[in-house]
């Protein structure tokens, strides 16, 4: 499934011969929390910088963490820009949820729990 994820922009999920969900790659990444996780001292300032640098989409998770959904962002450059703007970067972590994990979790929420 990893290869499928790399070349697809939309995914359809089927279980026991029944179509259960269709999702875009962007939505899949958001739900899977894939992306670059930033832990910073000033989320508001960091979010403003991401907006002004056109680094999107991103999600503010709480008062210390932002998840940038684009895994292709140059983290070294982003770190530098944040520090120059006065944001203390405590941590930058790349996290990737797999297509397999998403499918398994989807089946659990559908009440199936079995793989098709």
N, C-alpha and C. Protein backbone atom coordinates (compact mmCIF):
# COMPACT_ATOMS: atom_id res chain seq x y z
N UNK A 1 0.81 -1.20 0.00
CA UNK A 1 0.00 0.00 0.00
C UNK A 1 0.85 1.26 0.00
N UNK A 2 2.09 1.18 0.45
CA UNK A 2 2.95 2.35 0.50
C UNK A 2 3.15 2.92 -0.90
N UNK A 3 3.36 2.07 -1.88
CA UNK A 3 3.55 2.53 -3.26
C UNK A 3 2.27 3.20 -3.77
N UNK A 4 1.13 2.64 -3.42
CA UNK A 4 -0.16 3.21 -3.82
C UNK A 4 -0.31 4.63 -3.26
N UNK A 5 0.09 4.81 -2.01
CA UNK A 5 0.00 6.12 -1.38
C UNK A 5 0.84 7.15 -2.13
N UNK A 6 2.02 6.74 -2.59
CA UNK A 6 2.93 7.67 -3.26
C UNK A 6 2.40 8.21 -4.57
N UNK A 7 1.57 7.45 -5.29
CA UNK A 7 1.13 7.85 -6.63
C UNK A 7 -0.33 8.28 -6.70
N UNK A 8 -1.08 8.13 -5.62
CA UNK A 8 -2.52 8.42 -5.66
C UNK A 8 -2.85 9.78 -5.06
N UNK A 9 -3.96 10.35 -5.52
CA UNK A 9 -4.45 11.61 -4.96
C UNK A 9 -5.80 11.43 -4.26
N UNK A 10 -6.43 10.29 -4.48
CA UNK A 10 -7.72 10.00 -3.86
C UNK A 10 -7.79 8.50 -3.60
N UNK A 11 -8.42 8.13 -2.49
CA UNK A 11 -8.49 6.73 -2.09
C UNK A 11 -9.93 6.33 -1.82
N UNK A 12 -10.30 5.13 -2.24
CA UNK A 12 -11.60 4.55 -1.93
C UNK A 12 -11.37 3.29 -1.12
N UNK A 13 -12.16 3.10 -0.07
CA UNK A 13 -11.98 1.96 0.82
C UNK A 13 -13.20 1.06 0.74
N UNK A 14 -12.93 -0.23 0.63
CA UNK A 14 -13.97 -1.24 0.50
C UNK A 14 -13.74 -2.30 1.57
N UNK A 15 -14.80 -2.75 2.20
CA UNK A 15 -14.73 -3.82 3.18
C UNK A 15 -15.87 -4.79 2.92
N UNK A 16 -15.55 -6.05 2.79
CA UNK A 16 -16.55 -7.10 2.56
C UNK A 16 -17.45 -6.76 1.38
N UNK A 17 -16.84 -6.22 0.33
CA UNK A 17 -17.58 -5.90 -0.89
C UNK A 17 -18.40 -4.63 -0.84
N UNK A 18 -18.32 -3.90 0.26
CA UNK A 18 -19.09 -2.67 0.43
C UNK A 18 -18.15 -1.46 0.43
N UNK A 19 -18.50 -0.46 -0.36
CA UNK A 19 -17.75 0.80 -0.37
C UNK A 19 -18.03 1.50 0.95
N UNK A 20 -16.96 1.86 1.69
CA UNK A 20 -17.19 2.48 2.99
C UNK A 20 -16.75 3.94 3.08
N UNK A 21 -15.76 4.34 2.25
CA UNK A 21 -15.33 5.75 2.34
C UNK A 21 -14.42 6.10 1.18
N UNK A 22 -14.50 7.36 0.76
CA UNK A 22 -13.58 7.93 -0.21
C UNK A 22 -12.95 9.15 0.44
N UNK A 23 -11.65 9.32 0.25
CA UNK A 23 -10.94 10.42 0.90
C UNK A 23 -9.81 10.89 -0.01
N UNK A 24 -9.56 12.21 -0.02
CA UNK A 24 -8.43 12.75 -0.78
C UNK A 24 -7.15 12.50 0.01
N UNK A 25 -6.03 12.61 -0.67
CA UNK A 25 -4.73 12.41 -0.01
C UNK A 25 -4.54 13.46 1.09
N UNK A 26 -4.94 14.69 0.81
CA UNK A 26 -4.80 15.77 1.79
C UNK A 26 -5.62 15.47 3.05
N UNK A 27 -6.87 15.02 2.86
CA UNK A 27 -7.71 14.69 4.01
C UNK A 27 -7.19 13.47 4.75
N UNK A 28 -6.67 12.51 4.00
CA UNK A 28 -6.09 11.31 4.61
C UNK A 28 -4.92 11.71 5.52
N UNK A 29 -4.06 12.59 5.02
CA UNK A 29 -2.92 13.04 5.82
C UNK A 29 -3.37 13.79 7.08
N UNK A 30 -4.41 14.61 6.94
CA UNK A 30 -4.93 15.34 8.10
C UNK A 30 -5.48 14.37 9.14
N UNK A 31 -6.30 13.43 8.70
CA UNK A 31 -6.89 12.48 9.63
C UNK A 31 -5.84 11.56 10.22
N UNK A 32 -4.82 11.26 9.46
CA UNK A 32 -3.75 10.38 9.89
C UNK A 32 -2.68 11.12 10.68
N UNK A 33 -2.82 12.43 10.74
CA UNK A 33 -1.85 13.31 11.40
C UNK A 33 -0.45 13.14 10.82
N UNK A 34 -0.40 13.01 9.50
CA UNK A 34 0.90 12.95 8.83
C UNK A 34 1.39 14.36 8.61
N UNK A 35 2.69 14.54 8.73
CA UNK A 35 3.25 15.84 8.46
C UNK A 35 4.47 16.13 9.31
N UNK A 36 4.75 17.39 9.42
CA UNK A 36 5.89 17.86 10.21
C UNK A 36 5.32 18.50 11.48
N UNK A 37 5.63 17.90 12.60
CA UNK A 37 5.11 18.37 13.88
C UNK A 37 6.11 19.35 14.49
N UNK A 38 5.66 20.59 14.67
CA UNK A 38 6.49 21.64 15.26
C UNK A 38 6.05 21.87 16.70
N UNK A 39 7.01 21.89 17.60
CA UNK A 39 6.73 22.27 18.98
C UNK A 39 7.47 23.58 19.20
N UNK A 40 6.71 24.62 19.51
CA UNK A 40 7.27 25.98 19.59
C UNK A 40 6.79 26.69 20.85
N UNK A 41 7.42 27.81 21.14
CA UNK A 41 7.02 28.58 22.32
C UNK A 41 5.91 29.58 22.01
N UNK A 42 5.69 29.91 20.74
CA UNK A 42 4.69 30.90 20.36
C UNK A 42 3.93 30.42 19.12
N UNK A 43 2.84 29.69 19.36
CA UNK A 43 2.07 29.10 18.26
C UNK A 43 1.47 30.18 17.36
N UNK A 44 0.99 31.25 17.95
CA UNK A 44 0.37 32.30 17.15
C UNK A 44 1.37 32.91 16.16
N UNK A 45 2.55 33.25 16.64
CA UNK A 45 3.57 33.84 15.77
C UNK A 45 4.03 32.82 14.72
N UNK A 46 4.18 31.57 15.11
CA UNK A 46 4.58 30.52 14.17
C UNK A 46 3.52 30.34 13.08
N UNK A 47 2.26 30.35 13.46
CA UNK A 47 1.17 30.20 12.49
C UNK A 47 1.14 31.39 11.52
N UNK A 48 1.38 32.58 12.03
CA UNK A 48 1.43 33.77 11.17
C UNK A 48 2.58 33.64 10.17
N UNK A 49 3.72 33.15 10.62
CA UNK A 49 4.86 32.96 9.73
C UNK A 49 4.55 31.91 8.66
N UNK A 50 3.92 30.81 9.06
CA UNK A 50 3.55 29.77 8.09
C UNK A 50 2.60 30.35 7.04
N UNK A 51 1.62 31.14 7.49
CA UNK A 51 0.69 31.78 6.56
C UNK A 51 1.42 32.71 5.59
N UNK A 52 2.27 33.57 6.13
CA UNK A 52 2.95 34.55 5.28
C UNK A 52 3.96 33.89 4.35
N UNK A 53 4.48 32.72 4.73
CA UNK A 53 5.42 31.99 3.88
C UNK A 53 4.70 31.02 2.95
N UNK A 54 3.36 31.03 3.00
CA UNK A 54 2.53 30.17 2.18
C UNK A 54 2.85 28.68 2.39
N UNK A 55 3.13 28.32 3.63
CA UNK A 55 3.34 26.92 3.99
C UNK A 55 2.02 26.40 4.53
N UNK A 56 1.30 25.71 3.66
CA UNK A 56 -0.04 25.24 4.00
C UNK A 56 -0.29 23.92 3.31
N UNK A 57 -1.24 23.16 3.80
CA UNK A 57 -2.07 23.40 4.98
C UNK A 57 -1.34 23.01 6.26
N UNK A 58 -1.81 23.59 7.36
CA UNK A 58 -1.30 23.22 8.67
C UNK A 58 -2.44 23.28 9.67
N UNK A 59 -2.25 22.62 10.80
CA UNK A 59 -3.26 22.59 11.84
C UNK A 59 -2.59 22.95 13.17
N UNK A 60 -3.17 23.91 13.88
CA UNK A 60 -2.71 24.22 15.23
C UNK A 60 -3.36 23.19 16.14
N UNK A 61 -2.53 22.35 16.76
CA UNK A 61 -3.04 21.26 17.59
C UNK A 61 -3.35 21.70 19.02
N UNK A 62 -2.51 22.58 19.56
CA UNK A 62 -2.71 23.10 20.91
C UNK A 62 -1.83 24.34 21.07
N UNK A 63 -1.59 24.77 22.29
CA UNK A 63 -0.84 26.01 22.50
C UNK A 63 0.66 25.87 22.33
N UNK A 64 1.13 24.67 21.92
CA UNK A 64 2.57 24.48 21.72
C UNK A 64 2.91 23.75 20.42
N UNK A 65 1.90 23.17 19.74
CA UNK A 65 2.20 22.32 18.59
C UNK A 65 1.38 22.69 17.35
N UNK A 66 2.07 22.63 16.22
CA UNK A 66 1.47 22.85 14.91
C UNK A 66 1.87 21.67 14.03
N UNK A 67 0.93 21.16 13.27
CA UNK A 67 1.22 20.09 12.33
C UNK A 67 1.12 20.65 10.92
N UNK A 68 2.27 20.69 10.22
CA UNK A 68 2.33 21.11 8.82
C UNK A 68 2.09 19.85 8.00
N UNK A 69 1.05 19.85 7.17
CA UNK A 69 0.63 18.63 6.47
C UNK A 69 1.47 18.30 5.24
N UNK A 70 2.30 19.22 4.82
CA UNK A 70 3.14 18.99 3.64
C UNK A 70 4.48 18.42 4.09
N UNK A 71 4.70 17.13 3.83
CA UNK A 71 5.94 16.48 4.24
C UNK A 71 7.15 16.91 3.42
N UNK A 72 6.93 17.64 2.31
CA UNK A 72 8.05 18.05 1.47
C UNK A 72 8.68 19.38 1.90
N UNK A 73 8.15 19.99 2.96
CA UNK A 73 8.71 21.25 3.45
C UNK A 73 10.14 21.03 3.92
N UNK A 74 11.02 21.94 3.56
CA UNK A 74 12.42 21.90 3.99
C UNK A 74 12.47 22.30 5.47
N UNK A 75 12.65 21.32 6.35
CA UNK A 75 12.59 21.58 7.79
C UNK A 75 13.73 22.46 8.28
N UNK A 76 14.90 22.34 7.68
CA UNK A 76 16.03 23.19 8.09
C UNK A 76 15.72 24.66 7.80
N UNK A 77 15.19 24.92 6.61
CA UNK A 77 14.84 26.29 6.23
C UNK A 77 13.70 26.82 7.09
N UNK A 78 12.70 25.96 7.35
CA UNK A 78 11.57 26.36 8.18
C UNK A 78 12.06 26.69 9.59
N UNK A 79 12.91 25.86 10.14
CA UNK A 79 13.46 26.12 11.47
C UNK A 79 14.18 27.46 11.51
N UNK A 80 14.99 27.72 10.49
CA UNK A 80 15.74 28.97 10.42
C UNK A 80 14.79 30.17 10.36
N UNK A 81 13.75 30.08 9.54
CA UNK A 81 12.79 31.18 9.41
C UNK A 81 12.05 31.43 10.72
N UNK A 82 11.69 30.37 11.40
CA UNK A 82 10.99 30.52 12.69
C UNK A 82 11.89 31.20 13.71
N UNK A 83 13.14 30.75 13.81
CA UNK A 83 14.07 31.33 14.77
C UNK A 83 14.33 32.80 14.46
N UNK A 84 14.54 33.14 13.19
CA UNK A 84 14.76 34.54 12.79
C UNK A 84 13.56 35.41 13.16
N UNK A 85 12.35 34.82 13.07
CA UNK A 85 11.13 35.56 13.40
C UNK A 85 10.90 35.67 14.91
N UNK A 86 11.77 35.03 15.70
CA UNK A 86 11.64 35.13 17.15
C UNK A 86 10.88 33.98 17.79
N UNK A 87 10.65 32.91 17.06
CA UNK A 87 9.96 31.74 17.60
C UNK A 87 11.01 30.73 18.05
N UNK A 88 10.95 30.34 19.32
CA UNK A 88 11.85 29.30 19.81
C UNK A 88 11.27 27.94 19.39
N UNK A 89 12.04 27.20 18.63
CA UNK A 89 11.61 25.87 18.16
C UNK A 89 12.16 24.84 19.14
N UNK A 90 11.26 24.16 19.82
CA UNK A 90 11.67 23.16 20.80
C UNK A 90 11.88 21.80 20.15
N UNK A 91 11.13 21.53 19.09
CA UNK A 91 11.24 20.22 18.45
C UNK A 91 10.60 20.28 17.05
N UNK A 92 11.21 19.55 16.13
CA UNK A 92 10.63 19.34 14.81
C UNK A 92 10.69 17.83 14.56
N UNK A 93 9.53 17.24 14.35
CA UNK A 93 9.44 15.80 14.15
C UNK A 93 8.66 15.50 12.89
N UNK A 94 9.19 14.60 12.10
CA UNK A 94 8.48 14.15 10.89
C UNK A 94 7.67 12.92 11.29
N UNK A 95 6.36 12.98 11.05
CA UNK A 95 5.54 11.82 11.38
C UNK A 95 4.67 11.44 10.19
N UNK A 96 4.64 10.16 9.95
CA UNK A 96 3.88 9.64 8.82
C UNK A 96 2.96 8.52 9.29
N UNK A 97 1.68 8.71 9.08
CA UNK A 97 0.72 7.64 9.32
C UNK A 97 0.63 6.84 8.03
N UNK A 98 0.50 5.55 8.14
CA UNK A 98 0.46 4.74 6.94
C UNK A 98 -0.96 4.53 6.44
N UNK A 99 -1.07 4.21 5.17
CA UNK A 99 -2.35 3.89 4.56
C UNK A 99 -2.95 2.67 5.25
N UNK A 100 -2.11 1.70 5.61
CA UNK A 100 -2.56 0.49 6.29
C UNK A 100 -3.18 0.82 7.65
N UNK A 101 -2.53 1.71 8.40
CA UNK A 101 -3.06 2.11 9.71
C UNK A 101 -4.41 2.80 9.55
N UNK A 102 -4.51 3.67 8.56
CA UNK A 102 -5.76 4.37 8.34
C UNK A 102 -6.88 3.39 8.03
N UNK A 103 -6.60 2.42 7.15
CA UNK A 103 -7.60 1.44 6.75
C UNK A 103 -8.03 0.60 7.96
N UNK A 104 -7.06 0.17 8.76
CA UNK A 104 -7.38 -0.62 9.95
C UNK A 104 -8.24 0.18 10.92
N UNK A 105 -7.88 1.43 11.16
CA UNK A 105 -8.67 2.29 12.05
C UNK A 105 -10.06 2.54 11.49
N UNK A 106 -10.16 2.71 10.19
CA UNK A 106 -11.45 2.92 9.54
C UNK A 106 -12.35 1.71 9.74
N UNK A 107 -11.80 0.52 9.58
CA UNK A 107 -12.58 -0.69 9.78
C UNK A 107 -13.08 -0.80 11.22
N UNK A 108 -12.24 -0.40 12.17
CA UNK A 108 -12.64 -0.45 13.58
C UNK A 108 -13.81 0.49 13.84
N UNK A 109 -13.78 1.68 13.24
CA UNK A 109 -14.86 2.63 13.46
C UNK A 109 -16.14 2.23 12.72
N UNK A 110 -15.99 1.41 11.69
CA UNK A 110 -17.15 0.92 10.94
C UNK A 110 -17.78 -0.30 11.62
N UNK A 111 -17.14 -0.77 12.71
CA UNK A 111 -17.69 -1.90 13.44
C UNK A 111 -17.23 -3.25 12.90
N UNK A 112 -16.39 -3.23 11.87
CA UNK A 112 -15.95 -4.50 11.28
C UNK A 112 -14.83 -5.14 12.05
N UNK A 113 -13.69 -4.49 12.04
CA UNK A 113 -12.53 -5.01 12.71
C UNK A 113 -11.82 -6.10 11.94
N UNK A 114 -12.39 -6.55 10.82
CA UNK A 114 -11.75 -7.57 10.00
C UNK A 114 -11.26 -6.94 8.72
N UNK A 115 -10.17 -7.45 8.20
CA UNK A 115 -9.63 -6.94 6.94
C UNK A 115 -10.32 -7.63 5.77
N UNK A 116 -10.58 -6.86 4.73
CA UNK A 116 -11.20 -7.44 3.54
C UNK A 116 -10.14 -7.87 2.57
